[in-house]
Amino acid sequence: MHFMKRSIRTRLFVTISLISVLFLLLFGAIYNTYYDDYVIYRRQQQLYDAFSSLQSSYHGDVAADLAALQDTELQYSIRMLITNRDGYIKYNSLLRTQKQLTQFFGGGSVTIFQLIDQLPRAFGDDVYFTITERDNSQNTVLFSAGESSVGVQFIGLLGVHKSGDMVLLQMPSPVISSSGEFTSVFLLAVGAFCLALSLVVAYFLSRRFTRPVLEIRDVAEHMADLDFSSRYCGPVEDEIGELGISINRLSGHLEKTISALRETNLQLEEEIDKARRLDEMRRNLLINVSHELKTPLALIQGYAEGLRLNLNSDAESRDFYCSVIEDETRHMTRMVSELLSVSRIEAGTTAPQPESFSLDEMLDDLLVRLQAAASERNLKIDCRPTGATLFADRDMISQVLTNYLSNAIDHTPEGGRIAVFGEKQADKELLTVYNEGSHIPEQEIPKIWQSFYKLDQARTRAFGGTGIGLSIVKAVLEVHKCQYGVRNTPDGVEFWCTLPLDTECSSQPAHPPGENPQDRTAPPPQAQDAPQDGGGQAPASL
């Protein structure tokens, strides 16, 4: 491309230079061919002008008009000879002696044609005369003459003055040739200067002409690389500028079109990825549902067959068989109900019905219901009042808090501690449920929000869990446009979420009056930090 750039400038520069040289050569040829003839023609016109001037300034008296005759000679750079009709010289700046001319005439009137015939004899054998033009109407004769021995040439005019005198005007060849020489030298110098100037001008013109072309080319190269940030910024006074503006418009249209295509491709990729994930989730769901239903169905089938075959006829055994069947049936019913809840929320068929309610009252009700399970394992629950009034779907938020608290109770070691506390953040309430216990492996944190995912299959089933609780939390909080997450603390785990406040009713301070956040004893200091692990929106893999 660099070669093309130089080639355009070089070709334009060479073209302009060649045109300049050709014009200069043409001018030289015309000058050499026609200039001498033109100069002679102009000098002959000067002779006619000088003769016309004498017609008005000379009145036949040489003594009286001597100054006018001399001025005419100086003005037109000529020599002059004036004779009367008899051939006698009245004024002479041409011949060395006056007798040179009169000795060839025996007296009597002569004509200019007789005089022109006798001029060679008057000037000597070495002088030749050639008549170039006769004008009988004005009684004038133009002639050229020269001296063969010295090579001197001149032109002359012989005419009859209105006074009857004959006037001979001569312009020496040095006057003609010197002007031609001066003109040739001057024109040569001027031609060389003009040629050099034309080359300089050609160089700058080629640069100026090609600069917008090269700028447009650079814009086109950027466009070819799908970079539409470059724009033509040159002048717009000609077609090249209009081309640059058209390139800018094309670049803008292509940028918008390609941006739209990229957005469409991104959306398509997202849709494909979403469809792939949905398909994978569907397969996993089928596998998990099949796996979850396999055990209770097998138990139900086994105990039902035992009842039918009356393997144990005593009432106690029959009651045991029936209770197992009922427990497994309730387990499957709960799992199906939770699956339906998640599906309906994710599909948008179950929309939130927001209302104002007290968060503290809901927590108190849930803790009363869960107190028995906590007491069996001697767990300490520290629930600090939040003073928050929420504006959300009461039942959905209740499911979220129930799952958080149930998980905390299930995974806290016997005699351990659970803490529930909130903090106001703008128009949201940040609620945290902390429990002592073992950590969740960092690589497993993004997976716990998936349906049927269980860190400990045996333990989850022992507590009656289905592995769907946190997926319900995820679905409910996302439909409320809230954030959620989980992170490990030095001695436990804390789940957190943001809940929408009723801004017209809630006036809770960021911290309870008189309390320093650093003075809290439970959960540990890390619980006060901004959520990090698992925070924000749901992980991308969910």
Protein backbone atom coordinates (compact mmCIF):
# COMPACT_ATOMS: atom_id res chain seq x y z
CA MET A 1 0.00 0.00 0.00
CA HIS A 2 2.96 2.32 0.63
CA PHE A 3 4.04 1.72 -2.97
CA MET A 4 0.62 2.71 -4.25
CA LYS A 5 0.73 5.88 -2.15
CA ARG A 6 4.06 6.94 -3.64
CA SER A 7 3.02 5.85 -7.11
CA ILE A 8 0.00 8.17 -7.15
CA ARG A 9 2.04 11.17 -6.11
CA THR A 10 4.91 10.30 -8.44
CA ARG A 11 2.66 9.83 -11.43
CA LEU A 12 0.85 13.09 -10.80
CA PHE A 13 4.14 14.92 -10.25
CA VAL A 14 5.71 13.43 -13.38
CA THR A 15 2.59 14.19 -15.43
CA ILE A 16 2.54 17.86 -14.43
CA SER A 17 6.31 18.10 -14.96
CA LEU A 18 6.12 16.55 -18.43
CA ILE A 19 3.32 18.91 -19.40
CA SER A 20 5.44 21.84 -18.22
CA VAL A 21 8.46 20.62 -20.20
CA LEU A 22 6.38 19.97 -23.30
CA PHE A 23 4.87 23.43 -23.17
CA LEU A 24 8.33 24.91 -22.71
CA LEU A 25 9.71 22.94 -25.68
CA LEU A 26 6.74 23.91 -27.82
CA PHE A 27 7.26 27.53 -26.88
CA GLY A 28 10.97 27.25 -27.79
CA ALA A 29 10.20 25.68 -31.15
CA ILE A 30 7.66 28.36 -32.02
CA TYR A 31 10.04 31.04 -30.82
CA ASN A 32 12.98 29.77 -32.90
CA THR A 33 10.81 29.32 -35.99
CA TYR A 34 8.80 32.50 -36.05
CA TYR A 35 10.39 34.98 -33.69
CA ASP A 36 12.93 36.46 -36.17
CA ASP A 37 10.25 36.95 -38.82
CA TYR A 38 8.02 38.49 -36.22
CA VAL A 39 10.77 40.89 -35.09
CA ILE A 40 11.48 41.94 -38.66
CA TYR A 41 7.78 42.46 -39.21
CA ARG A 42 7.58 44.61 -36.11
CA ARG A 43 10.66 46.59 -37.14
CA GLN A 44 9.13 47.18 -40.54
CA GLN A 45 6.04 48.49 -38.79
CA GLN A 46 8.33 50.78 -36.81
CA LEU A 47 9.74 52.07 -40.09
CA TYR A 48 6.22 52.80 -41.30
CA ASP A 49 5.48 54.51 -37.96
CA ALA A 50 8.64 56.58 -38.26
CA PHE A 51 7.70 57.60 -41.82
CA SER A 52 4.20 58.54 -40.65
CA SER A 53 5.75 60.56 -37.81
CA LEU A 54 7.87 62.44 -40.34
CA GLN A 55 4.78 63.25 -42.38
CA SER A 56 3.52 65.29 -39.44
CA SER A 57 6.75 66.57 -37.85
CA TYR A 58 8.81 67.39 -41.00
CA HIS A 59 7.64 70.15 -43.34
CA GLY A 60 10.41 70.20 -45.96
CA ASP A 61 12.77 72.60 -44.15
CA VAL A 62 15.59 70.59 -42.61
CA ALA A 63 17.02 73.49 -40.63
CA ALA A 64 13.68 74.30 -39.05
CA ASP A 65 12.75 70.67 -38.36
CA LEU A 66 16.21 69.39 -37.41
CA ALA A 67 15.24 68.69 -33.81
CA ALA A 68 12.16 66.73 -34.91
CA LEU A 69 14.27 64.67 -37.33
CA GLN A 70 16.81 63.83 -34.65
CA ASP A 71 14.07 62.92 -32.14
CA THR A 72 12.54 60.56 -34.69
CA GLU A 73 15.90 58.86 -35.21
CA LEU A 74 16.38 58.39 -31.48
CA GLN A 75 12.83 57.27 -30.88
CA TYR A 76 12.86 54.56 -33.55
CA SER A 77 16.62 53.75 -33.53
CA ILE A 78 16.97 54.51 -37.25
CA ARG A 79 19.22 56.39 -39.65
CA MET A 80 17.76 58.79 -42.14
CA LEU A 81 18.49 60.20 -45.59
CA ILE A 82 16.34 62.96 -47.16
CA THR A 83 16.76 64.12 -50.77
CA ASN A 84 14.84 66.40 -53.01
CA ARG A 85 13.30 65.40 -56.34
CA ASP A 86 16.57 65.96 -58.11
CA GLY A 87 18.41 63.57 -55.84
CA TYR A 88 20.32 66.19 -53.93
CA ILE A 89 20.77 65.35 -50.25
CA LYS A 90 19.08 67.63 -47.74
CA TYR A 91 19.63 65.56 -44.56
CA ASN A 92 22.04 62.70 -44.10
CA SER A 93 22.84 60.48 -41.10
CA LEU A 94 23.33 57.44 -43.29
CA LEU A 95 26.09 58.12 -45.87
CA ARG A 96 29.64 59.23 -45.14
CA THR A 97 29.59 61.92 -47.87
CA GLN A 98 26.83 63.66 -49.65
CA LYS A 99 28.48 63.23 -53.02
CA GLN A 100 28.11 59.50 -52.89
CA LEU A 101 24.52 59.71 -53.99
CA THR A 102 24.33 62.78 -56.23
CA GLN A 103 27.13 61.78 -58.50
CA PHE A 104 24.96 59.06 -59.99
CA PHE A 105 22.16 61.40 -61.03
CA GLY A 106 22.64 63.87 -63.85
CA GLY A 107 19.97 66.19 -62.55
CA GLY A 108 16.30 66.23 -63.20
CA SER A 109 13.50 64.66 -61.22
CA VAL A 110 13.84 61.03 -60.14
CA THR A 111 11.37 58.58 -58.68
CA ILE A 112 11.86 56.40 -55.64
CA PHE A 113 12.03 53.38 -57.89
CA GLN A 114 14.88 54.96 -59.83
CA LEU A 115 16.49 55.91 -56.54
CA ILE A 116 16.23 52.38 -55.15
CA ASP A 117 17.85 51.05 -58.28
CA GLN A 118 20.80 53.44 -57.86
CA LEU A 119 21.31 52.80 -54.13
CA PRO A 120 23.66 49.80 -54.59
CA ARG A 121 25.97 52.00 -56.65
CA ALA A 122 25.87 54.70 -54.04
CA PHE A 123 26.75 52.32 -51.23
CA GLY A 124 29.36 50.40 -53.16
CA ASP A 125 29.70 47.06 -54.88
CA ASP A 126 29.89 45.25 -51.52
CA VAL A 127 26.33 46.25 -50.62
CA TYR A 128 23.31 44.35 -51.86
CA PHE A 129 19.64 45.39 -51.82
CA THR A 130 16.51 43.24 -51.92
CA ILE A 131 13.08 44.81 -52.31
CA THR A 132 10.63 43.04 -49.99
CA GLU A 133 7.49 45.12 -50.49
CA ARG A 134 6.26 47.86 -52.85
CA ASP A 135 3.30 50.05 -52.02
CA ASN A 136 2.45 52.20 -55.03
CA SER A 137 -0.50 53.84 -53.31
CA GLN A 138 1.70 55.30 -50.60
CA ASN A 139 4.85 55.60 -52.73
CA THR A 140 6.88 53.45 -50.32
CA VAL A 141 9.29 50.60 -50.81
CA LEU A 142 10.48 48.19 -48.09
CA PHE A 143 13.84 46.56 -48.67
CA SER A 144 16.54 44.58 -46.92
CA ALA A 145 20.23 45.15 -47.48
CA GLY A 146 23.61 44.06 -46.25
CA GLU A 147 27.38 44.26 -46.67
CA SER A 148 28.83 40.99 -47.84
CA SER A 149 32.34 41.63 -46.52
CA VAL A 150 31.38 42.31 -42.91
CA GLY A 151 28.06 40.49 -42.79
CA VAL A 152 26.14 43.54 -41.55
CA GLN A 153 22.44 43.51 -42.42
CA PHE A 154 19.75 46.13 -42.17
CA ILE A 155 16.24 46.86 -43.35
CA GLY A 156 15.01 50.08 -44.82
CA LEU A 157 12.10 52.06 -46.16
CA LEU A 158 12.14 54.52 -49.08
CA GLY A 159 9.15 56.82 -49.48
CA VAL A 160 7.97 60.11 -50.93
CA HIS A 161 7.24 62.73 -48.26
CA LYS A 162 4.22 64.97 -48.65
CA SER A 163 6.63 67.86 -49.26
CA GLY A 164 7.93 66.04 -52.34
CA ASP A 165 11.21 65.01 -50.69
CA MET A 166 12.30 61.40 -50.76
CA VAL A 167 13.03 59.87 -47.37
CA LEU A 168 15.27 56.83 -46.84
CA LEU A 169 15.01 55.18 -43.41
CA GLN A 170 17.37 52.44 -42.32
CA MET A 171 17.41 50.23 -39.21
CA PRO A 172 20.77 48.50 -38.76
CA SER A 173 20.86 44.76 -38.15
CA PRO A 174 22.59 45.12 -34.73
CA VAL A 175 19.41 46.78 -33.44
CA ILE A 176 17.36 43.83 -34.70
CA SER A 177 19.76 41.07 -33.72
CA SER A 178 20.61 42.54 -30.32
CA SER A 179 16.98 42.67 -29.35
CA GLY A 180 16.61 39.06 -30.48
CA GLU A 181 19.68 38.01 -28.49
CA PHE A 182 18.48 39.81 -25.40
CA THR A 183 15.07 38.33 -25.82
CA SER A 184 16.50 34.81 -26.27
CA VAL A 185 18.66 35.08 -23.17
CA PHE A 186 15.83 36.55 -21.17
CA LEU A 187 13.36 33.95 -22.36
CA LEU A 188 15.83 31.16 -21.65
CA ALA A 189 16.33 32.43 -18.10
CA VAL A 190 12.61 32.95 -17.60
CA GLY A 191 11.89 29.52 -19.10
CA ALA A 192 14.38 27.81 -16.76
CA PHE A 193 12.93 29.66 -13.78
CA CYS A 194 9.36 28.83 -14.80
CA LEU A 195 10.29 25.19 -15.32
CA ALA A 196 11.86 24.98 -11.87
CA LEU A 197 8.88 26.79 -10.39
CA SER A 198 6.46 24.49 -12.20
CA LEU A 199 8.30 21.45 -10.78
CA VAL A 200 8.00 22.83 -7.27
CA VAL A 201 4.36 23.69 -7.80
CA ALA A 202 3.78 20.24 -9.34
CA TYR A 203 5.30 18.62 -6.26
CA PHE A 204 3.11 20.51 -3.81
CA LEU A 205 0.04 20.16 -6.03
CA SER A 206 0.58 16.41 -6.21
CA ARG A 207 0.83 16.26 -2.42
CA ARG A 208 -2.22 18.44 -1.94
CA PHE A 209 -4.22 16.56 -4.54
CA THR A 210 -3.33 13.09 -3.25
CA ARG A 211 -3.63 13.89 0.47
CA PRO A 212 -7.46 13.63 0.57
CA VAL A 213 -7.33 10.57 -1.70
CA LEU A 214 -4.91 8.86 0.66
CA GLU A 215 -6.98 9.93 3.66
CA ILE A 216 -10.06 8.38 2.07
CA ARG A 217 -8.02 5.25 1.38
CA ASP A 218 -6.99 5.06 5.06
CA VAL A 219 -10.64 5.36 6.09
CA ALA A 220 -11.54 2.56 3.68
CA GLU A 221 -8.73 0.38 5.11
CA HIS A 222 -10.06 0.90 8.62
CA MET A 223 -13.53 0.02 7.37
CA ALA A 224 -12.13 -3.18 5.84
CA ASP A 225 -10.80 -4.06 9.31
CA LEU A 226 -14.26 -3.30 10.79
CA ASP A 227 -12.91 -0.21 12.52
CA PHE A 228 -15.39 2.59 11.91
CA SER A 229 -13.85 5.18 14.22
CA SER A 230 -11.80 6.78 11.42
CA ARG A 231 -13.43 9.63 9.49
CA TYR A 232 -12.47 11.79 6.51
CA CYS A 233 -11.76 15.32 7.76
CA GLY A 234 -10.42 16.96 4.59
CA PRO A 235 -11.91 19.83 2.56
CA VAL A 236 -15.27 19.39 0.83
CA GLU A 237 -14.94 21.89 -2.01
CA ASP A 238 -14.68 19.33 -4.81
CA GLU A 239 -15.73 15.84 -5.88
CA ILE A 240 -12.99 14.22 -3.78
CA GLY A 241 -14.37 15.94 -0.67
CA GLU A 242 -17.87 14.77 -1.58
CA LEU A 243 -16.47 11.25 -1.95
CA GLY A 244 -14.95 11.58 1.54
CA ILE A 245 -18.31 12.64 2.97
CA SER A 246 -19.96 9.69 1.23
CA ILE A 247 -17.32 7.38 2.73
CA ASN A 248 -18.09 8.83 6.17
CA ARG A 249 -21.79 8.20 5.67
CA LEU A 250 -21.10 4.68 4.47
CA SER A 251 -18.86 4.09 7.47
CA GLY A 252 -21.58 5.32 9.82
CA HIS A 253 -24.24 3.15 8.20
CA LEU A 254 -21.96 0.11 8.26
CA GLU A 255 -21.08 0.75 11.88
CA LYS A 256 -24.75 0.88 12.86
CA THR A 257 -25.57 -2.17 10.75
CA ILE A 258 -22.67 -4.25 12.04
CA SER A 259 -23.38 -3.13 15.61
CA ALA A 260 -26.97 -4.24 15.16
CA LEU A 261 -25.76 -7.54 13.70
CA ARG A 262 -23.38 -8.00 16.62
CA GLU A 263 -26.15 -7.32 19.08
CA THR A 264 -28.38 -9.73 17.22
CA ASN A 265 -25.60 -12.33 17.20
CA LEU A 266 -25.02 -11.82 20.92
CA GLN A 267 -28.72 -12.18 21.58
CA LEU A 268 -28.81 -15.25 19.38
CA GLU A 269 -25.82 -16.71 21.18
CA GLU A 270 -27.47 -15.94 24.50
CA GLU A 271 -30.68 -17.56 23.31
CA ILE A 272 -28.77 -20.60 22.07
CA ASP A 273 -26.84 -20.78 25.32
CA LYS A 274 -30.04 -20.33 27.27
CA ALA A 275 -31.74 -23.04 25.22
CA ARG A 276 -28.74 -25.31 25.74
CA ARG A 277 -28.79 -24.67 29.47
CA LEU A 278 -32.54 -25.17 29.60
CA ASP A 279 -32.16 -28.43 27.73
CA GLU A 280 -29.40 -29.48 30.10
CA MET A 281 -31.52 -28.44 33.07
CA ARG A 282 -34.44 -30.37 31.64
CA ARG A 283 -32.33 -33.51 31.30
CA ASN A 284 -30.88 -33.00 34.77
CA LEU A 285 -34.36 -32.39 36.10
CA LEU A 286 -35.61 -35.63 34.62
CA ILE A 287 -32.61 -37.48 36.00
CA ASN A 288 -32.97 -35.89 39.44
CA VAL A 289 -36.71 -36.33 39.59
CA SER A 290 -36.31 -39.93 38.52
CA HIS A 291 -33.63 -40.40 41.14
CA GLU A 292 -35.65 -38.65 43.86
CA LEU A 293 -38.78 -40.59 43.07
CA LYS A 294 -37.04 -43.92 42.70
CA THR A 295 -36.40 -44.46 46.41
CA PRO A 296 -39.81 -43.37 47.78
CA LEU A 297 -41.65 -45.25 45.04
CA ALA A 298 -39.62 -48.36 45.75
CA LEU A 299 -40.41 -48.03 49.46
CA ILE A 300 -44.08 -47.42 48.79
CA GLN A 301 -44.21 -50.39 46.40
CA GLY A 302 -42.41 -52.67 48.84
CA TYR A 303 -44.47 -51.80 51.86
CA ALA A 304 -47.70 -51.83 49.84
CA GLU A 305 -46.89 -55.35 48.60
CA GLY A 306 -46.10 -56.36 52.15
CA LEU A 307 -49.49 -55.10 53.27
CA ARG A 308 -51.21 -56.87 50.41
CA LEU A 309 -49.47 -60.15 51.14
CA ASN A 310 -50.08 -59.64 54.86
CA LEU A 311 -46.44 -60.41 55.64
CA ASN A 312 -46.90 -58.97 59.12
CA SER A 313 -50.36 -59.54 60.45
CA ASP A 314 -49.95 -57.67 63.73
CA ALA A 315 -51.42 -54.16 63.97
CA GLU A 316 -48.11 -52.55 64.95
CA SER A 317 -46.38 -53.72 61.77
CA ARG A 318 -49.26 -52.60 59.63
CA ASP A 319 -49.18 -49.17 61.26
CA PHE A 320 -45.43 -48.94 60.61
CA TYR A 321 -45.90 -49.91 56.96
CA CYS A 322 -48.64 -47.33 56.53
CA SER A 323 -46.61 -44.58 58.23
CA VAL A 324 -43.67 -45.23 55.88
CA ILE A 325 -46.00 -45.04 52.89
CA GLU A 326 -47.50 -41.80 54.21
CA ASP A 327 -44.07 -40.25 54.88
CA GLU A 328 -42.81 -41.07 51.43
CA THR A 329 -46.02 -39.82 49.88
CA ARG A 330 -45.70 -36.51 51.77
CA HIS A 331 -42.07 -36.29 50.67
CA MET A 332 -43.02 -36.74 47.01
CA THR A 333 -45.95 -34.34 47.34
CA ARG A 334 -43.68 -31.69 48.85
CA MET A 335 -41.08 -32.20 46.13
CA VAL A 336 -43.66 -31.95 43.35
CA SER A 337 -45.18 -28.85 44.97
CA GLU A 338 -41.78 -27.18 45.23
CA LEU A 339 -40.97 -28.07 41.63
CA LEU A 340 -44.24 -26.57 40.49
CA SER A 341 -43.53 -23.42 42.49
CA VAL A 342 -40.10 -22.98 40.89
CA SER A 343 -41.46 -23.69 37.41
CA ARG A 344 -44.35 -21.28 37.78
CA ILE A 345 -42.16 -18.47 39.10
CA GLU A 346 -39.50 -18.96 36.42
CA ALA A 347 -42.14 -19.19 33.68
CA GLY A 348 -43.81 -15.99 34.92
CA THR A 349 -47.18 -17.62 35.49
CA THR A 350 -46.94 -16.82 39.20
CA ALA A 351 -46.42 -13.09 39.50
CA PRO A 352 -45.60 -11.45 42.85
CA GLN A 353 -48.49 -9.79 44.66
CA PRO A 354 -46.67 -7.14 46.68
CA GLU A 355 -48.04 -5.81 49.93
CA SER A 356 -46.65 -4.04 52.99
CA PHE A 357 -45.76 -6.20 55.98
CA SER A 358 -43.35 -6.21 58.88
CA LEU A 359 -40.18 -8.23 58.44
CA ASP A 360 -39.76 -8.66 62.20
CA GLU A 361 -43.28 -10.13 62.57
CA MET A 362 -42.61 -12.62 59.77
CA LEU A 363 -39.30 -13.66 61.35
CA ASP A 364 -40.97 -14.09 64.76
CA ASP A 365 -43.66 -16.34 63.23
CA LEU A 366 -41.09 -18.46 61.39
CA LEU A 367 -38.87 -18.86 64.47
CA VAL A 368 -41.85 -20.01 66.53
CA ARG A 369 -42.58 -22.70 63.91
CA LEU A 370 -38.92 -23.76 63.74
CA GLN A 371 -38.21 -23.51 67.46
CA ALA A 372 -38.94 -27.17 68.06
CA ALA A 373 -36.36 -28.33 65.48
CA ALA A 374 -33.79 -25.93 66.94
CA SER A 375 -34.47 -27.01 70.52
CA GLU A 376 -33.97 -30.70 69.68
CA ARG A 377 -30.36 -29.91 68.82
CA ASN A 378 -29.86 -27.27 71.51
CA LEU A 379 -29.26 -24.46 68.97
CA LYS A 380 -29.11 -20.78 69.98
CA ILE A 381 -30.86 -18.39 67.59
CA ASP A 382 -30.07 -14.69 67.88
CA CYS A 383 -32.58 -12.68 65.82
CA ARG A 384 -32.09 -8.93 66.05
CA PRO A 385 -35.03 -6.64 65.24
CA THR A 386 -34.71 -4.90 61.89
CA GLY A 387 -37.61 -2.44 62.12
CA ALA A 388 -38.08 -2.90 58.37
CA THR A 389 -41.39 -2.78 56.52
CA LEU A 390 -41.22 -4.67 53.26
CA PHE A 391 -43.23 -4.22 50.11
CA ALA A 392 -43.20 -7.65 48.44
CA ASP A 393 -45.16 -10.87 48.01
CA ARG A 394 -45.63 -12.11 51.59
CA ASP A 395 -45.89 -15.82 50.78
CA MET A 396 -42.88 -15.81 48.44
CA ILE A 397 -40.66 -13.96 50.95
CA SER A 398 -41.85 -16.38 53.62
CA GLN A 399 -40.58 -19.26 51.45
CA VAL A 400 -37.21 -17.56 51.13
CA LEU A 401 -36.80 -16.98 54.85
CA THR A 402 -38.08 -20.45 55.69
CA ASN A 403 -35.49 -22.06 53.44
CA TYR A 404 -32.66 -19.88 54.79
CA LEU A 405 -33.60 -20.64 58.43
CA SER A 406 -34.22 -24.34 57.76
CA ASN A 407 -30.85 -24.70 56.07
CA ALA A 408 -29.19 -22.92 59.00
CA ILE A 409 -30.82 -25.23 61.51
CA ASP A 410 -30.03 -28.37 59.45
CA HIS A 411 -26.34 -27.50 58.99
CA THR A 412 -25.49 -26.08 62.42
CA PRO A 413 -23.75 -28.55 64.74
CA GLU A 414 -25.47 -29.43 68.00
CA GLY A 415 -25.18 -26.62 70.52
CA GLY A 416 -24.17 -24.15 67.78
CA ARG A 417 -25.33 -20.64 67.12
CA ILE A 418 -27.50 -18.99 64.46
CA ALA A 419 -27.76 -15.24 63.94
CA VAL A 420 -30.30 -13.25 61.89
CA PHE A 421 -29.77 -9.52 61.39
CA GLY A 422 -30.58 -6.84 58.85
CA GLU A 423 -29.17 -3.59 57.58
CA LYS A 424 -30.80 -0.89 55.51
CA GLN A 425 -29.22 -0.11 52.16
CA ALA A 426 -30.98 2.61 50.15
CA ASP A 427 -34.37 1.15 49.18
CA LYS A 428 -33.41 -2.43 50.13
CA GLU A 429 -33.03 -4.36 53.38
CA LEU A 430 -29.92 -6.53 53.50
CA LEU A 431 -30.90 -9.60 55.53
CA THR A 432 -28.21 -12.07 56.62
CA VAL A 433 -28.69 -15.55 58.16
CA TYR A 434 -25.49 -16.80 59.75
CA ASN A 435 -24.83 -20.26 61.16
CA GLU A 436 -21.84 -21.93 62.70
CA GLY A 437 -20.65 -25.04 60.97
CA SER A 438 -18.50 -26.41 58.18
CA HIS A 439 -17.73 -24.37 55.10
CA ILE A 440 -19.22 -24.84 51.65
CA PRO A 441 -16.43 -25.67 49.12
CA GLU A 442 -15.83 -22.58 47.02
CA GLN A 443 -16.21 -24.49 43.75
CA GLU A 444 -19.61 -25.75 44.90
CA ILE A 445 -21.08 -22.35 45.80
CA PRO A 446 -22.42 -21.55 42.27
CA LYS A 447 -24.12 -24.97 42.14
CA ILE A 448 -26.12 -24.84 45.37
CA TRP A 449 -28.80 -22.69 43.73
CA GLN A 450 -29.62 -25.45 41.23
CA SER A 451 -32.57 -27.73 41.73
CA PHE A 452 -31.80 -31.10 43.37
CA TYR A 453 -28.22 -30.12 44.11
CA LYS A 454 -27.16 -31.50 47.49
CA LEU A 455 -23.80 -31.29 49.19
CA ASP A 456 -24.65 -34.33 51.35
CA GLN A 457 -27.26 -36.63 49.84
CA ALA A 458 -27.69 -38.80 52.90
CA ARG A 459 -27.86 -35.87 55.35
CA THR A 460 -30.29 -33.92 53.22
CA ARG A 461 -32.65 -36.85 52.99
CA ALA A 462 -32.31 -37.49 56.67
CA PHE A 463 -33.59 -33.97 57.34
CA GLY A 464 -36.37 -34.37 54.83
CA GLY A 465 -34.86 -31.99 52.27
CA THR A 466 -35.51 -32.24 48.53
CA GLY A 467 -32.62 -30.10 47.23
CA ILE A 468 -35.09 -27.59 45.74
CA GLY A 469 -35.22 -25.05 48.55
CA LEU A 470 -32.41 -22.76 47.34
CA SER A 471 -33.67 -22.90 43.75
CA ILE A 472 -36.98 -21.52 45.12
CA VAL A 473 -35.00 -18.78 46.89
CA LYS A 474 -33.22 -17.95 43.62
CA ALA A 475 -36.49 -17.83 41.62
CA VAL A 476 -38.34 -15.70 44.18
CA LEU A 477 -35.55 -13.15 44.67
CA GLU A 478 -34.92 -12.82 40.94
CA VAL A 479 -38.59 -12.19 40.23
CA HIS A 480 -38.42 -9.46 42.91
CA LYS A 481 -35.25 -8.09 41.26
CA CYS A 482 -33.31 -8.66 44.46
CA GLN A 483 -29.78 -9.89 45.04
CA TYR A 484 -28.71 -12.96 46.97
CA GLY A 485 -25.61 -14.96 47.80
CA VAL A 486 -23.60 -17.00 50.25
CA ARG A 487 -20.09 -16.81 51.62
CA ASN A 488 -17.94 -18.65 54.09
CA THR A 489 -16.90 -16.93 57.30
CA PRO A 490 -14.03 -18.01 59.57
CA ASP A 491 -16.30 -20.24 61.70
CA GLY A 492 -19.41 -20.74 59.63
CA VAL A 493 -21.51 -19.79 56.63
CA GLU A 494 -23.86 -16.90 56.00
CA PHE A 495 -26.61 -16.62 53.41
CA TRP A 496 -27.77 -13.12 52.51
CA CYS A 497 -30.34 -11.42 50.33
CA THR A 498 -31.76 -7.98 49.69
CA LEU A 499 -35.48 -7.39 50.23
CA PRO A 500 -37.54 -4.46 48.84
CA LEU A 501 -38.47 -1.90 51.48
CA ASP A 502 -41.72 -0.01 51.69
CA THR A 503 -40.02 3.39 51.54
CA GLU A 504 -43.14 5.21 52.74
CA CYS A 505 -43.38 3.19 55.95
CA SER A 506 -39.85 2.15 56.81
CA SER A 507 -37.66 4.65 58.65
CA GLN A 508 -35.09 2.22 59.97
CA PRO A 509 -31.61 3.72 60.54
CA ALA A 510 -28.56 2.11 59.00
CA HIS A 511 -27.68 0.79 62.51
CA PRO A 512 -29.68 0.71 65.76
CA PRO A 513 -29.24 3.93 67.78
CA GLY A 514 -26.19 3.95 69.96
CA GLU A 515 -24.80 0.76 68.45
CA ASN A 516 -21.44 0.51 66.77
CA PRO A 517 -21.42 -2.20 64.07
CA GLN A 518 -18.01 -3.33 65.31
CA ASP A 519 -19.53 -4.15 68.74
CA ARG A 520 -21.67 -7.00 67.40
CA THR A 521 -20.72 -10.34 68.86
CA ALA A 522 -22.61 -12.56 66.48
CA PRO A 523 -22.07 -13.19 63.69
CA PRO A 524 -18.30 -12.55 63.51
CA PRO A 525 -16.87 -9.31 62.03
CA GLN A 526 -16.78 -10.76 58.52
CA ALA A 527 -20.55 -10.84 58.51
CA GLN A 528 -20.60 -7.05 58.45
CA ASP A 529 -18.61 -6.82 55.21
CA ALA A 530 -20.21 -6.10 51.86
CA PRO A 531 -21.38 -9.35 50.21
CA GLN A 532 -18.79 -10.87 47.92
CA ASP A 533 -18.83 -14.61 47.29
CA GLY A 534 -22.00 -15.59 45.56
CA GLY A 535 -23.20 -11.99 45.77
CA GLY A 536 -24.98 -9.80 43.27
CA GLN A 537 -27.16 -11.44 40.73
CA ALA A 538 -27.34 -15.19 40.49
CA PRO A 539 -24.14 -16.81 39.17
CA ALA A 540 -23.97 -17.03 35.43
CA SER A 541 -24.02 -20.84 35.50
CA LEU A 542 -27.40 -21.00 37.19
